[in-house]
Amino acid sequence: MASLSRLLSSICVLLLAVSLLSGCGKKLITSKTARKNVSPSLKTSLRTAEQQRNRTKWIDDVDARQFEDDLEAIFLIERPSRLTPYPIP
């Protein structure tokens, strides 16, 4: 039983050492590559490229809906105001 425990613990230590030495498998970042692109994952100062695309699409959607509301107001096709209790012809 003690030999099995010793074997399992040595296997765990070996796996831990291999994982620590190998890392995540990414290539090393040198100072030259870091100077080329200091913040590679950011498109703006706060957002990644995907977050910026999502924000732009959301703004475009809101603008398009607001444009339709503005057209209704320009052509006077929106419903009458309900601020008065009296019917509006």
Protein backbone atom coordinates (compact mmCIF):
# COMPACT_ATOMS: atom_id res chain seq x y z
CA MET A 1 0.00 0.00 0.00
CA ALA A 2 2.86 2.35 0.82
CA SER A 3 4.52 1.61 -2.52
CA LEU A 4 1.31 2.48 -4.37
CA SER A 5 1.05 5.74 -2.46
CA ARG A 6 4.69 6.51 -3.19
CA LEU A 7 4.16 5.70 -6.90
CA LEU A 8 1.09 7.96 -7.15
CA SER A 9 2.83 10.82 -5.39
CA SER A 10 5.88 10.51 -7.62
CA ILE A 11 3.65 10.51 -10.71
CA CYS A 12 1.89 13.65 -9.44
CA VAL A 13 5.21 15.37 -8.80
CA LEU A 14 6.43 14.37 -12.26
CA LEU A 15 3.26 15.70 -13.94
CA LEU A 16 3.50 18.93 -11.98
CA ALA A 17 7.13 19.41 -13.00
CA VAL A 18 6.33 18.75 -16.67
CA SER A 19 3.42 21.18 -16.65
CA LEU A 20 5.48 23.89 -14.95
CA LEU A 21 8.37 23.48 -17.36
CA SER A 22 6.28 23.32 -20.53
CA GLY A 23 3.91 26.20 -19.78
CA CYS A 24 0.94 26.75 -22.06
CA GLY A 25 2.82 26.01 -25.25
CA LYS A 26 2.78 29.59 -26.49
CA LYS A 27 5.85 31.06 -28.06
CA LEU A 28 8.01 33.25 -25.90
CA ILE A 29 7.37 36.97 -25.84
CA THR A 30 10.55 38.89 -26.46
CA SER A 31 11.13 42.57 -25.84
CA LYS A 32 11.11 43.15 -29.59
CA THR A 33 7.63 41.66 -30.04
CA ALA A 34 6.36 43.49 -26.97
CA ARG A 35 7.52 46.84 -28.35
CA LYS A 36 5.77 46.20 -31.67
CA ASN A 37 2.37 45.81 -30.02
CA VAL A 38 2.25 46.76 -26.37
CA SER A 39 -1.42 45.83 -25.87
CA PRO A 40 -2.19 43.20 -28.49
CA SER A 41 -5.65 42.31 -27.23
CA LEU A 42 -7.01 45.87 -27.01
CA LYS A 43 -8.55 47.80 -29.89
CA THR A 44 -9.17 50.98 -27.89
CA SER A 45 -7.83 51.98 -24.50
CA LEU A 46 -10.57 50.01 -22.73
CA ARG A 47 -12.07 47.44 -25.12
CA THR A 48 -10.98 44.46 -27.14
CA ALA A 49 -11.73 44.36 -30.86
CA GLU A 50 -14.75 42.11 -30.30
CA GLN A 51 -16.14 44.35 -27.56
CA GLN A 52 -15.68 47.38 -29.81
CA ARG A 53 -17.51 45.65 -32.70
CA ASN A 54 -20.38 44.72 -30.37
CA ARG A 55 -20.60 48.28 -29.05
CA THR A 56 -20.60 49.71 -32.58
CA LYS A 57 -23.38 47.32 -33.70
CA TRP A 58 -25.42 48.20 -30.61
CA ILE A 59 -25.03 51.93 -31.29
CA ASP A 60 -26.00 51.43 -34.96
CA ASP A 61 -29.12 49.54 -33.87
CA VAL A 62 -30.16 52.27 -31.42
CA ASP A 63 -29.50 54.96 -34.03
CA ALA A 64 -31.61 53.15 -36.63
CA ARG A 65 -34.54 52.81 -34.24
CA GLN A 66 -34.24 56.45 -33.21
CA PHE A 67 -34.16 57.49 -36.89
CA GLU A 68 -37.51 55.76 -37.44
CA ASP A 69 -38.94 57.59 -34.42
CA ASP A 70 -37.63 60.88 -35.80
CA LEU A 71 -39.24 60.20 -39.20
CA GLU A 72 -42.57 59.55 -37.50
CA ALA A 73 -42.29 62.88 -35.71
CA ILE A 74 -41.33 64.74 -38.91
CA PHE A 75 -44.22 63.31 -40.95
CA LEU A 76 -46.64 63.67 -38.02
CA ILE A 77 -47.59 60.00 -38.02
CA GLU A 78 -47.00 59.25 -34.38
CA ARG A 79 -49.94 58.82 -32.07
CA PRO A 80 -51.37 61.88 -30.35
CA SER A 81 -50.18 62.90 -26.93
CA ARG A 82 -52.10 61.42 -24.00
CA LEU A 83 -51.32 64.24 -21.60
CA THR A 84 -54.87 65.63 -21.73
CA PRO A 85 -57.93 63.74 -20.47
CA TYR A 86 -60.01 65.09 -23.39
CA PRO A 87 -60.17 63.27 -26.70
CA ILE A 88 -58.08 64.68 -29.50
CA PRO A 89 -59.74 64.63 -32.94
